[in-house]
mmCIF file of all heavy atoms, coordinates in Angstrom:
data_MODEL
# 
_entry.id   MODEL 
# 
loop_
_atom_site.group_PDB 
_atom_site.id 
_atom_site.type_symbol 
_atom_site.label_atom_id 
_atom_site.label_alt_id 
_atom_site.label_comp_id 
_atom_site.label_asym_id 
_atom_site.label_entity_id 
_atom_site.label_seq_id 
_atom_site.pdbx_PDB_ins_code 
_atom_site.Cartn_x 
_atom_site.Cartn_y 
_atom_site.Cartn_z 
_atom_site.occupancy 
_atom_site.B_iso_or_equiv 
_atom_site.pdbx_formal_charge 
_atom_site.auth_seq_id 
_atom_site.auth_comp_id 
_atom_site.auth_asym_id 
_atom_site.auth_atom_id 
_atom_site.pdbx_PDB_model_num 
ATOM 1   N N   . ASN A 1 1  ? -15.768 0.228   -13.709 1.00 0.00 ? 1  ASN A N   1 
ATOM 2   C CA  . ASN A 1 1  ? -17.150 0.273   -14.177 1.00 0.00 ? 1  ASN A CA  1 
ATOM 3   C C   . ASN A 1 1  ? -17.921 -0.949  -13.668 1.00 0.00 ? 1  ASN A C   1 
ATOM 4   O O   . ASN A 1 1  ? -17.333 -1.936  -13.239 1.00 0.00 ? 1  ASN A O   1 
ATOM 5   C CB  . ASN A 1 1  ? -17.191 0.312   -15.702 1.00 0.00 ? 1  ASN A CB  1 
ATOM 6   C CG  . ASN A 1 1  ? -16.529 1.542   -16.270 1.00 0.00 ? 1  ASN A CG  1 
ATOM 7   O OD1 . ASN A 1 1  ? -16.567 2.619   -15.674 1.00 0.00 ? 1  ASN A OD1 1 
ATOM 8   N ND2 . ASN A 1 1  ? -15.906 1.392   -17.435 1.00 0.00 ? 1  ASN A ND2 1 
ATOM 9   N N   . SER A 1 2  ? -19.229 -0.854  -13.750 1.00 0.00 ? 2  SER A N   1 
ATOM 10  C CA  . SER A 1 2  ? -20.099 -1.979  -13.361 1.00 0.00 ? 2  SER A CA  1 
ATOM 11  C C   . SER A 1 2  ? -19.726 -2.531  -11.991 1.00 0.00 ? 2  SER A C   1 
ATOM 12  O O   . SER A 1 2  ? -19.561 -3.742  -11.810 1.00 0.00 ? 2  SER A O   1 
ATOM 13  C CB  . SER A 1 2  ? -20.018 -3.088  -14.420 1.00 0.00 ? 2  SER A CB  1 
ATOM 14  O OG  . SER A 1 2  ? -20.350 -2.602  -15.705 1.00 0.00 ? 2  SER A OG  1 
ATOM 15  N N   . LEU A 1 3  ? -19.611 -1.636  -11.036 1.00 0.00 ? 3  LEU A N   1 
ATOM 16  C CA  . LEU A 1 3  ? -19.173 -2.028  -9.709  1.00 0.00 ? 3  LEU A CA  1 
ATOM 17  C C   . LEU A 1 3  ? -20.145 -2.995  -9.056  1.00 0.00 ? 3  LEU A C   1 
ATOM 18  O O   . LEU A 1 3  ? -21.364 -2.863  -9.201  1.00 0.00 ? 3  LEU A O   1 
ATOM 19  C CB  . LEU A 1 3  ? -18.978 -0.802  -8.829  1.00 0.00 ? 3  LEU A CB  1 
ATOM 20  C CG  . LEU A 1 3  ? -17.620 -0.113  -8.997  1.00 0.00 ? 3  LEU A CG  1 
ATOM 21  C CD1 . LEU A 1 3  ? -17.662 1.320   -8.539  1.00 0.00 ? 3  LEU A CD1 1 
ATOM 22  C CD2 . LEU A 1 3  ? -16.559 -0.890  -8.238  1.00 0.00 ? 3  LEU A CD2 1 
ATOM 23  N N   . LYS A 1 4  ? -19.585 -3.940  -8.320  1.00 0.00 ? 4  LYS A N   1 
ATOM 24  C CA  . LYS A 1 4  ? -20.350 -4.945  -7.589  1.00 0.00 ? 4  LYS A CA  1 
ATOM 25  C C   . LYS A 1 4  ? -20.045 -4.827  -6.098  1.00 0.00 ? 4  LYS A C   1 
ATOM 26  O O   . LYS A 1 4  ? -18.975 -4.352  -5.722  1.00 0.00 ? 4  LYS A O   1 
ATOM 27  C CB  . LYS A 1 4  ? -19.960 -6.339  -8.067  1.00 0.00 ? 4  LYS A CB  1 
ATOM 28  C CG  . LYS A 1 4  ? -20.085 -6.565  -9.557  1.00 0.00 ? 4  LYS A CG  1 
ATOM 29  C CD  . LYS A 1 4  ? -19.562 -7.943  -9.945  1.00 0.00 ? 4  LYS A CD  1 
ATOM 30  C CE  . LYS A 1 4  ? -19.648 -8.176  -11.444 1.00 0.00 ? 4  LYS A CE  1 
ATOM 31  N NZ  . LYS A 1 4  ? -19.126 -9.530  -11.825 1.00 0.00 ? 4  LYS A NZ  1 
ATOM 32  N N   . PRO A 1 5  ? -20.956 -5.277  -5.251  1.00 0.00 ? 5  PRO A N   1 
ATOM 33  C CA  . PRO A 1 5  ? -20.670 -5.226  -3.806  1.00 0.00 ? 5  PRO A CA  1 
ATOM 34  C C   . PRO A 1 5  ? -19.363 -5.922  -3.437  1.00 0.00 ? 5  PRO A C   1 
ATOM 35  O O   . PRO A 1 5  ? -18.666 -5.471  -2.515  1.00 0.00 ? 5  PRO A O   1 
ATOM 36  C CB  . PRO A 1 5  ? -21.880 -5.931  -3.194  1.00 0.00 ? 5  PRO A CB  1 
ATOM 37  C CG  . PRO A 1 5  ? -22.985 -5.665  -4.168  1.00 0.00 ? 5  PRO A CG  1 
ATOM 38  C CD  . PRO A 1 5  ? -22.329 -5.705  -5.521  1.00 0.00 ? 5  PRO A CD  1 
ATOM 39  N N   . GLU A 1 6  ? -19.011 -6.970  -4.158  1.00 0.00 ? 6  GLU A N   1 
ATOM 40  C CA  . GLU A 1 6  ? -17.774 -7.691  -3.849  1.00 0.00 ? 6  GLU A CA  1 
ATOM 41  C C   . GLU A 1 6  ? -16.514 -6.927  -4.254  1.00 0.00 ? 6  GLU A C   1 
ATOM 42  O O   . GLU A 1 6  ? -15.405 -7.366  -3.967  1.00 0.00 ? 6  GLU A O   1 
ATOM 43  C CB  . GLU A 1 6  ? -17.759 -9.079  -4.497  1.00 0.00 ? 6  GLU A CB  1 
ATOM 44  C CG  . GLU A 1 6  ? -18.057 -9.097  -5.975  1.00 0.00 ? 6  GLU A CG  1 
ATOM 45  C CD  . GLU A 1 6  ? -19.517 -9.387  -6.269  1.00 0.00 ? 6  GLU A CD  1 
ATOM 46  O OE1 . GLU A 1 6  ? -20.405 -8.856  -5.564  1.00 0.00 ? 6  GLU A OE1 1 
ATOM 47  O OE2 . GLU A 1 6  ? -19.779 -10.154 -7.229  1.00 0.00 ? 6  GLU A OE2 1 
ATOM 48  N N   . ASP A 1 7  ? -16.677 -5.788  -4.917  1.00 0.00 ? 7  ASP A N   1 
ATOM 49  C CA  . ASP A 1 7  ? -15.532 -4.923  -5.209  1.00 0.00 ? 7  ASP A CA  1 
ATOM 50  C C   . ASP A 1 7  ? -15.187 -4.020  -4.023  1.00 0.00 ? 7  ASP A C   1 
ATOM 51  O O   . ASP A 1 7  ? -14.181 -3.310  -4.061  1.00 0.00 ? 7  ASP A O   1 
ATOM 52  C CB  . ASP A 1 7  ? -15.819 -4.046  -6.429  1.00 0.00 ? 7  ASP A CB  1 
ATOM 53  C CG  . ASP A 1 7  ? -15.967 -4.838  -7.709  1.00 0.00 ? 7  ASP A CG  1 
ATOM 54  O OD1 . ASP A 1 7  ? -15.177 -5.786  -7.917  1.00 0.00 ? 7  ASP A OD1 1 
ATOM 55  O OD2 . ASP A 1 7  ? -16.881 -4.528  -8.500  1.00 0.00 ? 7  ASP A OD2 1 
ATOM 56  N N   . THR A 1 8  ? -16.021 -4.045  -3.004  1.00 0.00 ? 8  THR A N   1 
ATOM 57  C CA  . THR A 1 8  ? -15.759 -3.241  -1.818  1.00 0.00 ? 8  THR A CA  1 
ATOM 58  C C   . THR A 1 8  ? -14.440 -3.647  -1.179  1.00 0.00 ? 8  THR A C   1 
ATOM 59  O O   . THR A 1 8  ? -14.222 -4.825  -0.876  1.00 0.00 ? 8  THR A O   1 
ATOM 60  C CB  . THR A 1 8  ? -16.895 -3.404  -0.794  1.00 0.00 ? 8  THR A CB  1 
ATOM 61  O OG1 . THR A 1 8  ? -18.095 -2.854  -1.340  1.00 0.00 ? 8  THR A OG1 1 
ATOM 62  C CG2 . THR A 1 8  ? -16.564 -2.685  0.514   1.00 0.00 ? 8  THR A CG2 1 
ATOM 63  N N   . ALA A 1 9  ? -13.555 -2.678  -1.009  1.00 0.00 ? 9  ALA A N   1 
ATOM 64  C CA  . ALA A 1 9  ? -12.223 -2.961  -0.473  1.00 0.00 ? 9  ALA A CA  1 
ATOM 65  C C   . ALA A 1 9  ? -11.457 -1.650  -0.338  1.00 0.00 ? 9  ALA A C   1 
ATOM 66  O O   . ALA A 1 9  ? -11.893 -0.613  -0.853  1.00 0.00 ? 9  ALA A O   1 
ATOM 67  C CB  . ALA A 1 9  ? -11.454 -3.907  -1.394  1.00 0.00 ? 9  ALA A CB  1 
ATOM 68  N N   . VAL A 1 10 ? -10.323 -1.737  0.316   1.00 0.00 ? 10 VAL A N   1 
ATOM 69  C CA  . VAL A 1 10 ? -9.359  -0.649  0.263   1.00 0.00 ? 10 VAL A CA  1 
ATOM 70  C C   . VAL A 1 10 ? -8.460  -0.920  -0.939  1.00 0.00 ? 10 VAL A C   1 
ATOM 71  O O   . VAL A 1 10 ? -7.897  -2.016  -1.071  1.00 0.00 ? 10 VAL A O   1 
ATOM 72  C CB  . VAL A 1 10 ? -8.514  -0.555  1.551   1.00 0.00 ? 10 VAL A CB  1 
ATOM 73  C CG1 . VAL A 1 10 ? -7.476  0.554   1.425   1.00 0.00 ? 10 VAL A CG1 1 
ATOM 74  C CG2 . VAL A 1 10 ? -9.416  -0.321  2.756   1.00 0.00 ? 10 VAL A CG2 1 
ATOM 75  N N   . TYR A 1 11 ? -8.343  0.053   -1.797  1.00 0.00 ? 11 TYR A N   1 
ATOM 76  C CA  . TYR A 1 11 ? -7.543  -0.080  -3.014  1.00 0.00 ? 11 TYR A CA  1 
ATOM 77  C C   . TYR A 1 11 ? -6.201  0.621   -2.802  1.00 0.00 ? 11 TYR A C   1 
ATOM 78  O O   . TYR A 1 11 ? -6.153  1.804   -2.438  1.00 0.00 ? 11 TYR A O   1 
ATOM 79  C CB  . TYR A 1 11 ? -8.282  0.508   -4.211  1.00 0.00 ? 11 TYR A CB  1 
ATOM 80  C CG  . TYR A 1 11 ? -9.392  -0.389  -4.702  1.00 0.00 ? 11 TYR A CG  1 
ATOM 81  C CD1 . TYR A 1 11 ? -10.541 -0.591  -3.942  1.00 0.00 ? 11 TYR A CD1 1 
ATOM 82  C CD2 . TYR A 1 11 ? -9.288  -1.070  -5.915  1.00 0.00 ? 11 TYR A CD2 1 
ATOM 83  C CE1 . TYR A 1 11 ? -11.554 -1.438  -4.362  1.00 0.00 ? 11 TYR A CE1 1 
ATOM 84  C CE2 . TYR A 1 11 ? -10.296 -1.916  -6.362  1.00 0.00 ? 11 TYR A CE2 1 
ATOM 85  C CZ  . TYR A 1 11 ? -11.421 -2.094  -5.573  1.00 0.00 ? 11 TYR A CZ  1 
ATOM 86  O OH  . TYR A 1 11 ? -12.416 -2.935  -6.009  1.00 0.00 ? 11 TYR A OH  1 
ATOM 87  N N   . TYR A 1 12 ? -5.130  -0.130  -3.039  1.00 0.00 ? 12 TYR A N   1 
ATOM 88  C CA  . TYR A 1 12 ? -3.777  0.363   -2.829  1.00 0.00 ? 12 TYR A CA  1 
ATOM 89  C C   . TYR A 1 12 ? -3.046  0.514   -4.158  1.00 0.00 ? 12 TYR A C   1 
ATOM 90  O O   . TYR A 1 12 ? -3.048  -0.402  -4.988  1.00 0.00 ? 12 TYR A O   1 
ATOM 91  C CB  . TYR A 1 12 ? -2.984  -0.598  -1.948  1.00 0.00 ? 12 TYR A CB  1 
ATOM 92  C CG  . TYR A 1 12 ? -3.500  -0.729  -0.546  1.00 0.00 ? 12 TYR A CG  1 
ATOM 93  C CD1 . TYR A 1 12 ? -4.413  -1.722  -0.207  1.00 0.00 ? 12 TYR A CD1 1 
ATOM 94  C CD2 . TYR A 1 12 ? -3.066  0.135   0.462   1.00 0.00 ? 12 TYR A CD2 1 
ATOM 95  C CE1 . TYR A 1 12 ? -4.894  -1.853  1.094   1.00 0.00 ? 12 TYR A CE1 1 
ATOM 96  C CE2 . TYR A 1 12 ? -3.529  0.014   1.761   1.00 0.00 ? 12 TYR A CE2 1 
ATOM 97  C CZ  . TYR A 1 12 ? -4.442  -0.980  2.068   1.00 0.00 ? 12 TYR A CZ  1 
ATOM 98  O OH  . TYR A 1 12 ? -4.907  -1.104  3.357   1.00 0.00 ? 12 TYR A OH  1 
ATOM 99  N N   . CYS A 1 13 ? -2.434  1.651   -4.315  1.00 0.00 ? 13 CYS A N   1 
ATOM 100 C CA  . CYS A 1 13 ? -1.540  1.859   -5.448  1.00 0.00 ? 13 CYS A CA  1 
ATOM 101 C C   . CYS A 1 13 ? -0.173  1.262   -5.116  1.00 0.00 ? 13 CYS A C   1 
ATOM 102 O O   . CYS A 1 13 ? 0.278   1.328   -3.957  1.00 0.00 ? 13 CYS A O   1 
ATOM 103 C CB  . CYS A 1 13 ? -1.410  3.342   -5.715  1.00 0.00 ? 13 CYS A CB  1 
ATOM 104 S SG  . CYS A 1 13 ? -0.302  3.789   -7.077  1.00 0.00 ? 13 CYS A SG  1 
ATOM 105 N N   . MET A 1 14 ? 0.473   0.676   -6.103  1.00 0.00 ? 14 MET A N   1 
ATOM 106 C CA  . MET A 1 14 ? 1.807   0.138   -5.903  1.00 0.00 ? 14 MET A CA  1 
ATOM 107 C C   . MET A 1 14 ? 2.708   0.560   -7.058  1.00 0.00 ? 14 MET A C   1 
ATOM 108 O O   . MET A 1 14 ? 2.231   0.867   -8.152  1.00 0.00 ? 14 MET A O   1 
ATOM 109 C CB  . MET A 1 14 ? 1.808   -1.384  -5.779  1.00 0.00 ? 14 MET A CB  1 
ATOM 110 C CG  . MET A 1 14 ? 1.300   -2.149  -6.994  1.00 0.00 ? 14 MET A CG  1 
ATOM 111 S SD  . MET A 1 14 ? 2.452   -2.290  -8.401  1.00 0.00 ? 14 MET A SD  1 
ATOM 112 C CE  . MET A 1 14 ? 3.715   -3.323  -7.693  1.00 0.00 ? 14 MET A CE  1 
ATOM 113 N N   . SER A 1 15 ? 3.995   0.577   -6.770  1.00 0.00 ? 15 SER A N   1 
ATOM 114 C CA  . SER A 1 15 ? 4.970   0.783   -7.832  1.00 0.00 ? 15 SER A CA  1 
ATOM 115 C C   . SER A 1 15 ? 6.173   -0.105  -7.552  1.00 0.00 ? 15 SER A C   1 
ATOM 116 O O   . SER A 1 15 ? 6.432   -0.480  -6.407  1.00 0.00 ? 15 SER A O   1 
ATOM 117 C CB  . SER A 1 15 ? 5.401   2.247   -7.943  1.00 0.00 ? 15 SER A CB  1 
ATOM 118 O OG  . SER A 1 15 ? 6.112   2.641   -6.789  1.00 0.00 ? 15 SER A OG  1 
ATOM 119 N N   . GLN A 1 16 ? 6.872   -0.432  -8.606  1.00 0.00 ? 16 GLN A N   1 
ATOM 120 C CA  . GLN A 1 16 ? 8.039   -1.298  -8.495  1.00 0.00 ? 16 GLN A CA  1 
ATOM 121 C C   . GLN A 1 16 ? 9.220   -0.650  -9.201  1.00 0.00 ? 16 GLN A C   1 
ATOM 122 O O   . GLN A 1 16 ? 9.078   -0.117  -10.311 1.00 0.00 ? 16 GLN A O   1 
ATOM 123 C CB  . GLN A 1 16 ? 7.752   -2.662  -9.120  1.00 0.00 ? 16 GLN A CB  1 
ATOM 124 C CG  . GLN A 1 16 ? 8.931   -3.624  -9.066  1.00 0.00 ? 16 GLN A CG  1 
ATOM 125 C CD  . GLN A 1 16 ? 8.566   -4.990  -9.618  1.00 0.00 ? 16 GLN A CD  1 
ATOM 126 O OE1 . GLN A 1 16 ? 7.535   -5.558  -9.272  1.00 0.00 ? 16 GLN A OE1 1 
ATOM 127 N NE2 . GLN A 1 16 ? 9.410   -5.510  -10.492 1.00 0.00 ? 16 GLN A NE2 1 
ATOM 128 N N   . THR A 1 17 ? 10.383  -0.718  -8.539  1.00 0.00 ? 17 THR A N   1 
ATOM 129 C CA  . THR A 1 17 ? 11.616  -0.247  -9.145  1.00 0.00 ? 17 THR A CA  1 
ATOM 130 C C   . THR A 1 17 ? 12.628  -1.379  -9.111  1.00 0.00 ? 17 THR A C   1 
ATOM 131 O O   . THR A 1 17 ? 12.530  -2.280  -8.264  1.00 0.00 ? 17 THR A O   1 
ATOM 132 C CB  . THR A 1 17 ? 12.179  0.976   -8.405  1.00 0.00 ? 17 THR A CB  1 
ATOM 133 O OG1 . THR A 1 17 ? 12.479  0.612   -7.046  1.00 0.00 ? 17 THR A OG1 1 
ATOM 134 C CG2 . THR A 1 17 ? 11.178  2.126   -8.409  1.00 0.00 ? 17 THR A CG2 1 
ATOM 135 N N   . PRO A 1 18 ? 13.592  -1.368  -10.022 1.00 0.00 ? 18 PRO A N   1 
ATOM 136 C CA  . PRO A 1 18 ? 14.597  -2.442  -10.039 1.00 0.00 ? 18 PRO A CA  1 
ATOM 137 C C   . PRO A 1 18 ? 15.407  -2.470  -8.756  1.00 0.00 ? 18 PRO A C   1 
ATOM 138 O O   . PRO A 1 18 ? 15.642  -1.426  -8.141  1.00 0.00 ? 18 PRO A O   1 
ATOM 139 C CB  . PRO A 1 18 ? 15.475  -2.066  -11.242 1.00 0.00 ? 18 PRO A CB  1 
ATOM 140 C CG  . PRO A 1 18 ? 14.602  -1.214  -12.105 1.00 0.00 ? 18 PRO A CG  1 
ATOM 141 C CD  . PRO A 1 18 ? 13.730  -0.458  -11.144 1.00 0.00 ? 18 PRO A CD  1 
ATOM 142 N N   . PRO A 1 19 ? 15.857  -3.672  -8.281  1.00 0.00 ? 19 PRO A N   1 
ATOM 143 C CA  . PRO A 1 19 ? 15.568  -4.954  -8.921  1.00 0.00 ? 19 PRO A CA  1 
ATOM 144 C C   . PRO A 1 19 ? 14.156  -5.456  -8.673  1.00 0.00 ? 19 PRO A C   1 
ATOM 145 O O   . PRO A 1 19 ? 13.579  -6.115  -9.527  1.00 0.00 ? 19 PRO A O   1 
ATOM 146 C CB  . PRO A 1 19 ? 16.609  -5.898  -8.295  1.00 0.00 ? 19 PRO A CB  1 
ATOM 147 C CG  . PRO A 1 19 ? 16.891  -5.297  -6.959  1.00 0.00 ? 19 PRO A CG  1 
ATOM 148 C CD  . PRO A 1 19 ? 16.791  -3.819  -7.137  1.00 0.00 ? 19 PRO A CD  1 
ATOM 149 N N   . ALA A 1 20 ? 13.599  -5.186  -7.515  1.00 0.00 ? 20 ALA A N   1 
ATOM 150 C CA  . ALA A 1 20 ? 12.223  -5.630  -7.225  1.00 0.00 ? 20 ALA A CA  1 
ATOM 151 C C   . ALA A 1 20 ? 11.708  -4.968  -5.965  1.00 0.00 ? 20 ALA A C   1 
ATOM 152 O O   . ALA A 1 20 ? 11.062  -5.601  -5.137  1.00 0.00 ? 20 ALA A O   1 
ATOM 153 C CB  . ALA A 1 20 ? 12.158  -7.152  -7.104  1.00 0.00 ? 20 ALA A CB  1 
ATOM 154 N N   . TYR A 1 21 ? 11.987  -3.668  -5.833  1.00 0.00 ? 21 TYR A N   1 
ATOM 155 C CA  . TYR A 1 21 ? 11.494  -2.945  -4.665  1.00 0.00 ? 21 TYR A CA  1 
ATOM 156 C C   . TYR A 1 21 ? 10.046  -2.540  -4.911  1.00 0.00 ? 21 TYR A C   1 
ATOM 157 O O   . TYR A 1 21 ? 9.704   -2.019  -5.972  1.00 0.00 ? 21 TYR A O   1 
ATOM 158 C CB  . TYR A 1 21 ? 12.347  -1.697  -4.401  1.00 0.00 ? 21 TYR A CB  1 
ATOM 159 C CG  . TYR A 1 21 ? 13.782  -2.017  -4.067  1.00 0.00 ? 21 TYR A CG  1 
ATOM 160 C CD1 . TYR A 1 21 ? 14.814  -1.643  -4.920  1.00 0.00 ? 21 TYR A CD1 1 
ATOM 161 C CD2 . TYR A 1 21 ? 14.104  -2.687  -2.897  1.00 0.00 ? 21 TYR A CD2 1 
ATOM 162 C CE1 . TYR A 1 21 ? 16.132  -1.922  -4.625  1.00 0.00 ? 21 TYR A CE1 1 
ATOM 163 C CE2 . TYR A 1 21 ? 15.429  -2.977  -2.593  1.00 0.00 ? 21 TYR A CE2 1 
ATOM 164 C CZ  . TYR A 1 21 ? 16.431  -2.595  -3.449  1.00 0.00 ? 21 TYR A CZ  1 
ATOM 165 O OH  . TYR A 1 21 ? 17.737  -2.882  -3.158  1.00 0.00 ? 21 TYR A OH  1 
ATOM 166 N N   . ILE A 1 22 ? 9.192   -2.777  -3.932  1.00 0.00 ? 22 ILE A N   1 
ATOM 167 C CA  . ILE A 1 22 ? 7.774   -2.475  -4.034  1.00 0.00 ? 22 ILE A CA  1 
ATOM 168 C C   . ILE A 1 22 ? 7.421   -1.350  -3.062  1.00 0.00 ? 22 ILE A C   1 
ATOM 169 O O   . ILE A 1 22 ? 7.852   -1.381  -1.901  1.00 0.00 ? 22 ILE A O   1 
ATOM 170 C CB  . ILE A 1 22 ? 6.908   -3.705  -3.692  1.00 0.00 ? 22 ILE A CB  1 
ATOM 171 C CG1 . ILE A 1 22 ? 7.278   -4.889  -4.599  1.00 0.00 ? 22 ILE A CG1 1 
ATOM 172 C CG2 . ILE A 1 22 ? 5.429   -3.373  -3.818  1.00 0.00 ? 22 ILE A CG2 1 
ATOM 173 C CD1 . ILE A 1 22 ? 6.952   -4.675  -6.053  1.00 0.00 ? 22 ILE A CD1 1 
ATOM 174 N N   . TYR A 1 23 ? 6.669   -0.399  -3.550  1.00 0.00 ? 23 TYR A N   1 
ATOM 175 C CA  . TYR A 1 23 ? 6.209   0.716   -2.735  1.00 0.00 ? 23 TYR A CA  1 
ATOM 176 C C   . TYR A 1 23 ? 4.682   0.728   -2.745  1.00 0.00 ? 23 TYR A C   1 
ATOM 177 O O   . TYR A 1 23 ? 4.048   0.366   -3.749  1.00 0.00 ? 23 TYR A O   1 
ATOM 178 C CB  . TYR A 1 23 ? 6.748   2.038   -3.290  1.00 0.00 ? 23 TYR A CB  1 
ATOM 179 C CG  . TYR A 1 23 ? 8.253   2.089   -3.344  1.00 0.00 ? 23 TYR A CG  1 
ATOM 180 C CD1 . TYR A 1 23 ? 8.932   1.628   -4.470  1.00 0.00 ? 23 TYR A CD1 1 
ATOM 181 C CD2 . TYR A 1 23 ? 8.993   2.585   -2.279  1.00 0.00 ? 23 TYR A CD2 1 
ATOM 182 C CE1 . TYR A 1 23 ? 10.317  1.658   -4.529  1.00 0.00 ? 23 TYR A CE1 1 
ATOM 183 C CE2 . TYR A 1 23 ? 10.380  2.634   -2.329  1.00 0.00 ? 23 TYR A CE2 1 
ATOM 184 C CZ  . TYR A 1 23 ? 11.030  2.158   -3.446  1.00 0.00 ? 23 TYR A CZ  1 
ATOM 185 O OH  . TYR A 1 23 ? 12.404  2.192   -3.500  1.00 0.00 ? 23 TYR A OH  1 
ATOM 186 N N   . TRP A 1 24 ? 4.108   1.167   -1.635  1.00 0.00 ? 24 TRP A N   1 
ATOM 187 C CA  . TRP A 1 24 ? 2.650   1.184   -1.480  1.00 0.00 ? 24 TRP A CA  1 
ATOM 188 C C   . TRP A 1 24 ? 2.152   2.561   -1.083  1.00 0.00 ? 24 TRP A C   1 
ATOM 189 O O   . TRP A 1 24 ? 2.827   3.280   -0.347  1.00 0.00 ? 24 TRP A O   1 
ATOM 190 C CB  . TRP A 1 24 ? 2.222   0.190   -0.404  1.00 0.00 ? 24 TRP A CB  1 
ATOM 191 C CG  . TRP A 1 24 ? 2.546   -1.241  -0.715  1.00 0.00 ? 24 TRP A CG  1 
ATOM 192 C CD1 . TRP A 1 24 ? 3.619   -1.954  -0.266  1.00 0.00 ? 24 TRP A CD1 1 
ATOM 193 C CD2 . TRP A 1 24 ? 1.789   -2.121  -1.549  1.00 0.00 ? 24 TRP A CD2 1 
ATOM 194 N NE1 . TRP A 1 24 ? 3.572   -3.240  -0.780  1.00 0.00 ? 24 TRP A NE1 1 
ATOM 195 C CE2 . TRP A 1 24 ? 2.460   -3.370  -1.560  1.00 0.00 ? 24 TRP A CE2 1 
ATOM 196 C CE3 . TRP A 1 24 ? 0.615   -1.988  -2.292  1.00 0.00 ? 24 TRP A CE3 1 
ATOM 197 C CZ2 . TRP A 1 24 ? 1.991   -4.461  -2.285  1.00 0.00 ? 24 TRP A CZ2 1 
ATOM 198 C CZ3 . TRP A 1 24 ? 0.158   -3.075  -3.003  1.00 0.00 ? 24 TRP A CZ3 1 
ATOM 199 C CH2 . TRP A 1 24 ? 0.838   -4.297  -3.001  1.00 0.00 ? 24 TRP A CH2 1 
ATOM 200 N N   . GLY A 1 25 ? 0.967   2.888   -1.573  1.00 0.00 ? 25 GLY A N   1 
ATOM 201 C CA  . GLY A 1 25 ? 0.275   4.062   -1.096  1.00 0.00 ? 25 GLY A CA  1 
ATOM 202 C C   . GLY A 1 25 ? -0.482  3.743   0.182   1.00 0.00 ? 25 GLY A C   1 
ATOM 203 O O   . GLY A 1 25 ? -0.449  2.619   0.681   1.00 0.00 ? 25 GLY A O   1 
ATOM 204 N N   . GLN A 1 26 ? -1.183  4.737   0.686   1.00 0.00 ? 26 GLN A N   1 
ATOM 205 C CA  . GLN A 1 26 ? -1.887  4.566   1.962   1.00 0.00 ? 26 GLN A CA  1 
ATOM 206 C C   . GLN A 1 26 ? -3.249  3.900   1.787   1.00 0.00 ? 26 GLN A C   1 
ATOM 207 O O   . GLN A 1 26 ? -3.849  3.455   2.770   1.00 0.00 ? 26 GLN A O   1 
ATOM 208 C CB  . GLN A 1 26 ? -2.057  5.918   2.657   1.00 0.00 ? 26 GLN A CB  1 
ATOM 209 C CG  . GLN A 1 26 ? -3.218  6.770   2.165   1.00 0.00 ? 26 GLN A CG  1 
ATOM 210 C CD  . GLN A 1 26 ? -2.986  7.399   0.805   1.00 0.00 ? 26 GLN A CD  1 
ATOM 211 O OE1 . GLN A 1 26 ? -1.901  7.312   0.228   1.00 0.00 ? 26 GLN A OE1 1 
ATOM 212 N NE2 . GLN A 1 26 ? -4.022  8.073   0.293   1.00 0.00 ? 26 GLN A NE2 1 
ATOM 213 N N   . GLY A 1 27 ? -3.718  3.826   0.559   1.00 0.00 ? 27 GLY A N   1 
ATOM 214 C CA  . GLY A 1 27 ? -4.990  3.175   0.280   1.00 0.00 ? 27 GLY A CA  1 
ATOM 215 C C   . GLY A 1 27 ? -6.151  4.150   0.199   1.00 0.00 ? 27 GLY A C   1 
ATOM 216 O O   . GLY A 1 27 ? -6.138  5.205   0.837   1.00 0.00 ? 27 GLY A O   1 
ATOM 217 N N   . THR A 1 28 ? -7.134  3.780   -0.605  1.00 0.00 ? 28 THR A N   1 
ATOM 218 C CA  . THR A 1 28 ? -8.362  4.563   -0.710  1.00 0.00 ? 28 THR A CA  1 
ATOM 219 C C   . THR A 1 28 ? -9.545  3.590   -0.665  1.00 0.00 ? 28 THR A C   1 
ATOM 220 O O   . THR A 1 28 ? -9.526  2.553   -1.327  1.00 0.00 ? 28 THR A O   1 
ATOM 221 C CB  . THR A 1 28 ? -8.372  5.420   -1.991  1.00 0.00 ? 28 THR A CB  1 
ATOM 222 O OG1 . THR A 1 28 ? -9.536  6.257   -2.000  1.00 0.00 ? 28 THR A OG1 1 
ATOM 223 C CG2 . THR A 1 28 ? -8.345  4.587   -3.261  1.00 0.00 ? 28 THR A CG2 1 
# 
């Protein structure tokens, strides 16, 4: 909400599984 010009970016989803594996989406 209340978006600002400085919020402009590619937004990436991430998930973590044990012990510390990180996965990324392609971005929106």
